[in-house]
Amino acid sequence: MQKYVIGECPICNHDLKVTRLKCNHCQTEISGDFQLSKFNYLSKDHLYFIELFIKNKGSIKKLEKELNVSYPTVKKLMKEVTESLGYKMDEDEEPDEKGPDRDAILEKLAKGEITSDEALKMLGE
């Protein structure tokens, strides 16, 4: 069973630091104050999303199928991961954005809460 370095304290939820490294081959030990990468601080779900994103070559359509979720859900996850890495996308910089309510309308359609005719009408407005 592999053990992974955690980046967040399980007691107080603050960032952890690595202070000691050891080579299993020659037993050399190095101590100091080492920086973890941004990825060490991501949740398992966000790391899994990044793995699938790379596997699917960034195709949102393929991610939708593999995760069995709607387009708006993939976009939401992408935004969460981006922000978790310390970046912020402005609303006007988001790719494929067709209006402020587009994602909500598509989500309702995917859940069967509205018909395709209602969705088309709402998107047309």
N, C-alpha and C. Protein backbone atom coordinates (compact mmCIF):
# COMPACT_ATOMS: atom_id res chain seq x y z
N MET A 1 0.84 -1.20 0.00
CA MET A 1 0.00 0.00 0.00
C MET A 1 0.88 1.25 0.00
N GLN A 2 0.63 2.11 -0.97
CA GLN A 2 1.40 3.34 -1.04
C GLN A 2 0.85 4.37 -0.07
N LYS A 3 1.76 5.12 0.53
CA LYS A 3 1.37 6.22 1.41
C LYS A 3 1.78 7.51 0.73
N TYR A 4 0.89 8.47 0.74
CA TYR A 4 1.16 9.75 0.10
C TYR A 4 1.38 10.83 1.15
N VAL A 5 2.19 11.81 0.79
CA VAL A 5 2.42 12.95 1.66
C VAL A 5 1.15 13.79 1.69
N ILE A 6 0.70 14.12 2.87
CA ILE A 6 -0.46 15.00 2.98
C ILE A 6 0.05 16.44 3.10
N GLY A 7 -0.71 17.37 2.65
CA GLY A 7 -0.28 18.76 2.66
C GLY A 7 -0.98 19.60 3.70
N GLU A 8 -1.99 19.01 4.35
CA GLU A 8 -2.79 19.77 5.31
C GLU A 8 -2.82 19.04 6.65
N CYS A 9 -2.66 19.79 7.72
CA CYS A 9 -2.69 19.21 9.06
C CYS A 9 -4.08 18.64 9.36
N PRO A 10 -4.15 17.38 9.79
CA PRO A 10 -5.46 16.79 10.08
C PRO A 10 -6.10 17.35 11.35
N ILE A 11 -5.33 18.07 12.15
CA ILE A 11 -5.85 18.64 13.40
C ILE A 11 -6.40 20.05 13.19
N CYS A 12 -5.57 20.94 12.61
CA CYS A 12 -5.97 22.34 12.50
C CYS A 12 -6.20 22.82 11.06
N ASN A 13 -5.96 21.94 10.06
CA ASN A 13 -6.18 22.24 8.64
C ASN A 13 -5.22 23.27 8.05
N HIS A 14 -4.13 23.59 8.72
CA HIS A 14 -3.12 24.49 8.14
C HIS A 14 -2.14 23.68 7.31
N ASP A 15 -1.39 24.38 6.43
CA ASP A 15 -0.42 23.72 5.57
C ASP A 15 0.70 23.06 6.38
N LEU A 16 1.12 21.88 5.92
CA LEU A 16 2.25 21.18 6.54
C LEU A 16 3.52 21.47 5.75
N LYS A 17 4.69 21.34 6.41
CA LYS A 17 5.99 21.51 5.77
C LYS A 17 6.74 20.19 5.86
N VAL A 18 7.55 19.93 4.86
CA VAL A 18 8.44 18.77 4.91
C VAL A 18 9.76 19.26 5.49
N THR A 19 10.26 18.58 6.51
CA THR A 19 11.50 19.01 7.15
C THR A 19 12.60 17.95 7.09
N ARG A 20 12.29 16.76 6.60
CA ARG A 20 13.30 15.70 6.56
C ARG A 20 13.05 14.79 5.36
N LEU A 21 14.14 14.43 4.67
CA LEU A 21 14.09 13.52 3.53
C LEU A 21 15.10 12.41 3.76
N LYS A 22 14.77 11.20 3.28
CA LYS A 22 15.67 10.06 3.45
C LYS A 22 15.69 9.21 2.19
N CYS A 23 16.91 8.80 1.78
CA CYS A 23 17.07 7.90 0.64
C CYS A 23 17.00 6.46 1.15
N ASN A 24 16.06 5.68 0.63
CA ASN A 24 15.93 4.29 1.06
C ASN A 24 17.07 3.41 0.56
N HIS A 25 17.80 3.88 -0.45
CA HIS A 25 18.90 3.08 -1.01
C HIS A 25 20.18 3.21 -0.18
N CYS A 26 20.65 4.45 0.02
CA CYS A 26 21.92 4.64 0.73
C CYS A 26 21.75 5.16 2.15
N GLN A 27 20.52 5.38 2.57
CA GLN A 27 20.18 5.84 3.91
C GLN A 27 20.61 7.28 4.21
N THR A 28 20.97 8.04 3.18
CA THR A 28 21.30 9.45 3.38
C THR A 28 20.06 10.18 3.86
N GLU A 29 20.24 11.04 4.85
CA GLU A 29 19.14 11.85 5.38
C GLU A 29 19.49 13.32 5.23
N ILE A 30 18.51 14.09 4.81
CA ILE A 30 18.67 15.53 4.64
C ILE A 30 17.56 16.20 5.43
N SER A 31 17.93 17.18 6.25
CA SER A 31 16.90 17.92 6.97
C SER A 31 16.97 19.38 6.56
N GLY A 32 15.85 20.03 6.63
CA GLY A 32 15.75 21.43 6.23
C GLY A 32 14.30 21.85 6.19
N ASP A 33 14.04 22.87 5.44
CA ASP A 33 12.68 23.39 5.31
C ASP A 33 12.32 23.33 3.83
N PHE A 34 11.58 22.31 3.41
CA PHE A 34 11.30 22.06 2.01
C PHE A 34 9.86 22.44 1.66
N GLN A 35 9.71 22.99 0.46
CA GLN A 35 8.41 23.43 -0.03
C GLN A 35 7.73 22.28 -0.77
N LEU A 36 6.48 22.01 -0.46
CA LEU A 36 5.68 21.06 -1.23
C LEU A 36 5.13 21.79 -2.46
N SER A 37 4.77 21.03 -3.48
CA SER A 37 4.17 21.65 -4.67
C SER A 37 2.72 22.01 -4.39
N LYS A 38 2.15 22.83 -5.24
CA LYS A 38 0.74 23.21 -5.12
C LYS A 38 -0.16 21.98 -5.15
N PHE A 39 0.26 20.96 -5.89
CA PHE A 39 -0.56 19.77 -6.05
C PHE A 39 -0.69 18.96 -4.76
N ASN A 40 0.29 19.08 -3.86
CA ASN A 40 0.22 18.38 -2.58
C ASN A 40 -0.90 18.90 -1.69
N TYR A 41 -1.38 20.09 -1.98
CA TYR A 41 -2.42 20.69 -1.15
C TYR A 41 -3.82 20.50 -1.73
N LEU A 42 -3.91 19.82 -2.87
CA LEU A 42 -5.22 19.56 -3.48
C LEU A 42 -5.89 18.36 -2.83
N SER A 43 -7.20 18.35 -2.86
CA SER A 43 -7.95 17.19 -2.35
C SER A 43 -7.77 16.01 -3.31
N LYS A 44 -8.07 14.82 -2.83
CA LYS A 44 -7.98 13.63 -3.67
C LYS A 44 -8.90 13.75 -4.89
N ASP A 45 -10.08 14.32 -4.70
CA ASP A 45 -11.02 14.50 -5.81
C ASP A 45 -10.46 15.43 -6.88
N HIS A 46 -9.81 16.52 -6.45
CA HIS A 46 -9.24 17.45 -7.41
C HIS A 46 -8.06 16.83 -8.14
N LEU A 47 -7.24 16.05 -7.44
CA LEU A 47 -6.12 15.36 -8.10
C LEU A 47 -6.64 14.35 -9.12
N TYR A 48 -7.71 13.66 -8.77
CA TYR A 48 -8.31 12.69 -9.68
C TYR A 48 -8.84 13.41 -10.93
N PHE A 49 -9.47 14.55 -10.75
CA PHE A 49 -9.98 15.33 -11.88
C PHE A 49 -8.83 15.74 -12.80
N ILE A 50 -7.72 16.21 -12.24
CA ILE A 50 -6.57 16.60 -13.05
C ILE A 50 -6.03 15.40 -13.82
N GLU A 51 -5.96 14.25 -13.16
CA GLU A 51 -5.49 13.04 -13.82
C GLU A 51 -6.37 12.69 -15.02
N LEU A 52 -7.69 12.75 -14.83
CA LEU A 52 -8.62 12.45 -15.92
C LEU A 52 -8.54 13.52 -17.02
N PHE A 53 -8.36 14.76 -16.62
CA PHE A 53 -8.25 15.86 -17.58
C PHE A 53 -7.06 15.61 -18.51
N ILE A 54 -5.93 15.23 -17.94
CA ILE A 54 -4.73 14.95 -18.74
C ILE A 54 -4.94 13.70 -19.59
N LYS A 55 -5.49 12.65 -18.98
CA LYS A 55 -5.75 11.40 -19.71
C LYS A 55 -6.62 11.65 -20.94
N ASN A 56 -7.62 12.54 -20.79
CA ASN A 56 -8.55 12.84 -21.87
C ASN A 56 -8.11 14.03 -22.72
N LYS A 57 -6.86 14.41 -22.58
CA LYS A 57 -6.26 15.48 -23.40
C LYS A 57 -7.05 16.78 -23.33
N GLY A 58 -7.66 17.06 -22.19
CA GLY A 58 -8.38 18.31 -22.00
C GLY A 58 -9.76 18.36 -22.64
N SER A 59 -10.24 17.25 -23.16
CA SER A 59 -11.54 17.24 -23.81
C SER A 59 -12.67 17.22 -22.78
N ILE A 60 -13.44 18.29 -22.76
CA ILE A 60 -14.56 18.37 -21.81
C ILE A 60 -15.60 17.31 -22.13
N LYS A 61 -15.84 17.06 -23.41
CA LYS A 61 -16.81 16.03 -23.80
C LYS A 61 -16.41 14.66 -23.27
N LYS A 62 -15.12 14.32 -23.37
CA LYS A 62 -14.65 13.03 -22.86
C LYS A 62 -14.75 12.97 -21.33
N LEU A 63 -14.47 14.10 -20.68
CA LEU A 63 -14.59 14.16 -19.21
C LEU A 63 -16.04 13.96 -18.78
N GLU A 64 -16.96 14.58 -19.52
CA GLU A 64 -18.39 14.40 -19.23
C GLU A 64 -18.75 12.92 -19.23
N LYS A 65 -18.29 12.21 -20.27
CA LYS A 65 -18.60 10.79 -20.39
C LYS A 65 -17.94 9.96 -19.29
N GLU A 66 -16.66 10.21 -19.06
CA GLU A 66 -15.93 9.40 -18.08
C GLU A 66 -16.43 9.62 -16.66
N LEU A 67 -16.75 10.86 -16.32
CA LEU A 67 -17.25 11.16 -14.98
C LEU A 67 -18.77 10.98 -14.86
N ASN A 68 -19.43 10.82 -16.02
CA ASN A 68 -20.89 10.69 -16.07
C ASN A 68 -21.58 11.90 -15.43
N VAL A 69 -21.11 13.08 -15.85
CA VAL A 69 -21.68 14.33 -15.35
C VAL A 69 -21.95 15.25 -16.54
N SER A 70 -22.64 16.35 -16.27
CA SER A 70 -22.99 17.30 -17.32
C SER A 70 -21.85 18.29 -17.58
N TYR A 71 -21.96 18.98 -18.69
CA TYR A 71 -20.99 20.02 -19.05
C TYR A 71 -20.81 21.06 -17.93
N PRO A 72 -21.90 21.60 -17.38
CA PRO A 72 -21.73 22.59 -16.31
C PRO A 72 -20.99 22.02 -15.09
N THR A 73 -21.17 20.74 -14.80
CA THR A 73 -20.48 20.13 -13.66
C THR A 73 -18.98 20.06 -13.94
N VAL A 74 -18.60 19.69 -15.16
CA VAL A 74 -17.18 19.66 -15.53
C VAL A 74 -16.58 21.05 -15.41
N LYS A 75 -17.30 22.06 -15.91
CA LYS A 75 -16.83 23.44 -15.83
C LYS A 75 -16.67 23.88 -14.38
N LYS A 76 -17.61 23.49 -13.52
CA LYS A 76 -17.54 23.83 -12.10
C LYS A 76 -16.31 23.19 -11.46
N LEU A 77 -16.09 21.92 -11.75
CA LEU A 77 -14.92 21.23 -11.21
C LEU A 77 -13.62 21.87 -11.69
N MET A 78 -13.59 22.25 -12.97
CA MET A 78 -12.41 22.89 -13.52
C MET A 78 -12.12 24.21 -12.81
N LYS A 79 -13.17 24.95 -12.55
CA LYS A 79 -13.02 26.23 -11.85
C LYS A 79 -12.53 26.00 -10.42
N GLU A 80 -13.09 25.00 -9.73
CA GLU A 80 -12.66 24.68 -8.36
C GLU A 80 -11.18 24.33 -8.31
N VAL A 81 -10.74 23.47 -9.23
CA VAL A 81 -9.35 23.04 -9.26
C VAL A 81 -8.44 24.23 -9.57
N THR A 82 -8.84 25.04 -10.54
CA THR A 82 -8.05 26.22 -10.91
C THR A 82 -7.87 27.14 -9.71
N GLU A 83 -8.96 27.39 -8.98
CA GLU A 83 -8.90 28.26 -7.82
C GLU A 83 -8.12 27.61 -6.67
N SER A 84 -8.20 26.29 -6.53
CA SER A 84 -7.44 25.59 -5.49
C SER A 84 -5.93 25.70 -5.74
N LEU A 85 -5.55 25.84 -7.01
CA LEU A 85 -4.14 26.00 -7.35
C LEU A 85 -3.68 27.45 -7.21
N GLY A 86 -4.61 28.33 -6.85
CA GLY A 86 -4.25 29.73 -6.61
C GLY A 86 -4.48 30.65 -7.78
N TYR A 87 -5.19 30.19 -8.79
CA TYR A 87 -5.48 31.01 -9.97
C TYR A 87 -6.96 31.37 -9.98
N LYS A 88 -7.28 32.48 -10.63
CA LYS A 88 -8.67 32.89 -10.73
C LYS A 88 -8.97 33.23 -12.18
N MET A 89 -10.05 32.66 -12.70
CA MET A 89 -10.48 32.98 -14.06
C MET A 89 -11.58 34.02 -13.97
N ASP A 90 -11.40 35.12 -14.70
CA ASP A 90 -12.46 36.12 -14.78
C ASP A 90 -13.59 35.54 -15.59
N GLU A 91 -14.80 35.96 -15.31
CA GLU A 91 -15.98 35.45 -16.02
C GLU A 91 -15.83 35.60 -17.52
N ASP A 92 -15.27 36.72 -17.98
CA ASP A 92 -15.16 36.93 -19.42
C ASP A 92 -14.01 36.15 -20.04
N GLU A 93 -13.13 35.54 -19.22
CA GLU A 93 -12.02 34.75 -19.74
C GLU A 93 -12.36 33.27 -19.84
N GLU A 94 -13.46 32.85 -19.24
CA GLU A 94 -13.81 31.44 -19.25
C GLU A 94 -14.14 31.00 -20.66
N PRO A 95 -13.57 29.90 -21.11
CA PRO A 95 -13.83 29.42 -22.47
C PRO A 95 -15.27 28.95 -22.64
N ASP A 96 -15.79 29.11 -23.85
CA ASP A 96 -17.11 28.61 -24.23
C ASP A 96 -18.25 29.20 -23.40
N GLU A 97 -18.05 30.33 -22.80
CA GLU A 97 -19.10 30.93 -21.97
C GLU A 97 -20.13 31.59 -22.88
N LYS A 98 -21.40 31.25 -22.72
CA LYS A 98 -22.45 31.77 -23.60
C LYS A 98 -23.44 32.67 -22.86
N GLY A 99 -23.12 33.09 -21.67
CA GLY A 99 -24.02 33.94 -20.92
C GLY A 99 -24.04 33.53 -19.47
N PRO A 100 -24.50 34.43 -18.59
CA PRO A 100 -24.42 34.16 -17.16
C PRO A 100 -25.28 32.99 -16.68
N ASP A 101 -26.41 32.72 -17.33
CA ASP A 101 -27.31 31.67 -16.86
C ASP A 101 -27.15 30.35 -17.63
N ARG A 102 -26.28 30.32 -18.62
CA ARG A 102 -26.14 29.16 -19.50
C ARG A 102 -25.89 27.87 -18.72
N ASP A 103 -24.93 27.89 -17.81
CA ASP A 103 -24.59 26.68 -17.05
C ASP A 103 -25.76 26.20 -16.20
N ALA A 104 -26.45 27.14 -15.57
CA ALA A 104 -27.60 26.77 -14.74
C ALA A 104 -28.72 26.16 -15.58
N ILE A 105 -28.94 26.73 -16.75
CA ILE A 105 -29.99 26.22 -17.64
C ILE A 105 -29.64 24.81 -18.12
N LEU A 106 -28.38 24.61 -18.53
CA LEU A 106 -27.96 23.29 -18.99
C LEU A 106 -28.00 22.26 -17.87
N GLU A 107 -27.70 22.67 -16.67
CA GLU A 107 -27.77 21.76 -15.52
C GLU A 107 -29.21 21.33 -15.26
N LYS A 108 -30.14 22.29 -15.33
CA LYS A 108 -31.56 21.97 -15.15
C LYS A 108 -32.05 21.02 -16.23
N LEU A 109 -31.59 21.25 -17.46
CA LEU A 109 -31.96 20.39 -18.57
C LEU A 109 -31.42 18.98 -18.35
N ALA A 110 -30.16 18.88 -17.93
CA ALA A 110 -29.54 17.57 -17.68
C ALA A 110 -30.25 16.80 -16.58
N LYS A 111 -30.78 17.52 -15.60
CA LYS A 111 -31.49 16.88 -14.48
C LYS A 111 -32.95 16.58 -14.82
N GLY A 112 -33.40 17.05 -15.97
CA GLY A 112 -34.78 16.81 -16.36
C GLY A 112 -35.77 17.76 -15.71
N GLU A 113 -35.26 18.84 -15.14
CA GLU A 113 -36.13 19.81 -14.47
C GLU A 113 -36.87 20.70 -15.46
N ILE A 114 -36.30 20.85 -16.67
CA ILE A 114 -36.96 21.62 -17.72
C ILE A 114 -36.86 20.83 -19.02
N THR A 115 -37.72 21.16 -19.98
CA THR A 115 -37.69 20.48 -21.28
C THR A 115 -36.67 21.17 -22.18
N SER A 116 -36.34 20.50 -23.29
CA SER A 116 -35.40 21.11 -24.23
C SER A 116 -35.99 22.38 -24.85
N ASP A 117 -37.30 22.41 -25.06
CA ASP A 117 -37.93 23.61 -25.61
C ASP A 117 -37.80 24.77 -24.63
N GLU A 118 -38.01 24.49 -23.33
CA GLU A 118 -37.88 25.54 -22.32
C GLU A 118 -36.42 26.02 -22.26
N ALA A 119 -35.48 25.09 -22.34
CA ALA A 119 -34.06 25.46 -22.30
C ALA A 119 -33.70 26.35 -23.49
N LEU A 120 -34.17 25.96 -24.69
CA LEU A 120 -33.90 26.77 -25.87
C LEU A 120 -34.46 28.18 -25.74
N LYS A 121 -35.67 28.26 -25.21
CA LYS A 121 -36.30 29.56 -25.03
C LYS A 121 -35.50 30.41 -24.05
N MET A 122 -35.08 29.79 -22.94
CA MET A 122 -34.31 30.51 -21.93
C MET A 122 -32.95 30.95 -22.48
N LEU A 123 -32.31 30.09 -23.26
CA LEU A 123 -31.01 30.43 -23.83
C LEU A 123 -31.15 31.50 -24.90
N GLY A 124 -32.29 31.52 -25.59
CA GLY A 124 -32.53 32.54 -26.60
C GLY A 124 -32.72 33.91 -26.03
N GLU A 125 -33.20 33.98 -24.81
CA GLU A 125 -33.41 35.28 -24.15
C GLU A 125 -32.08 35.85 -23.76
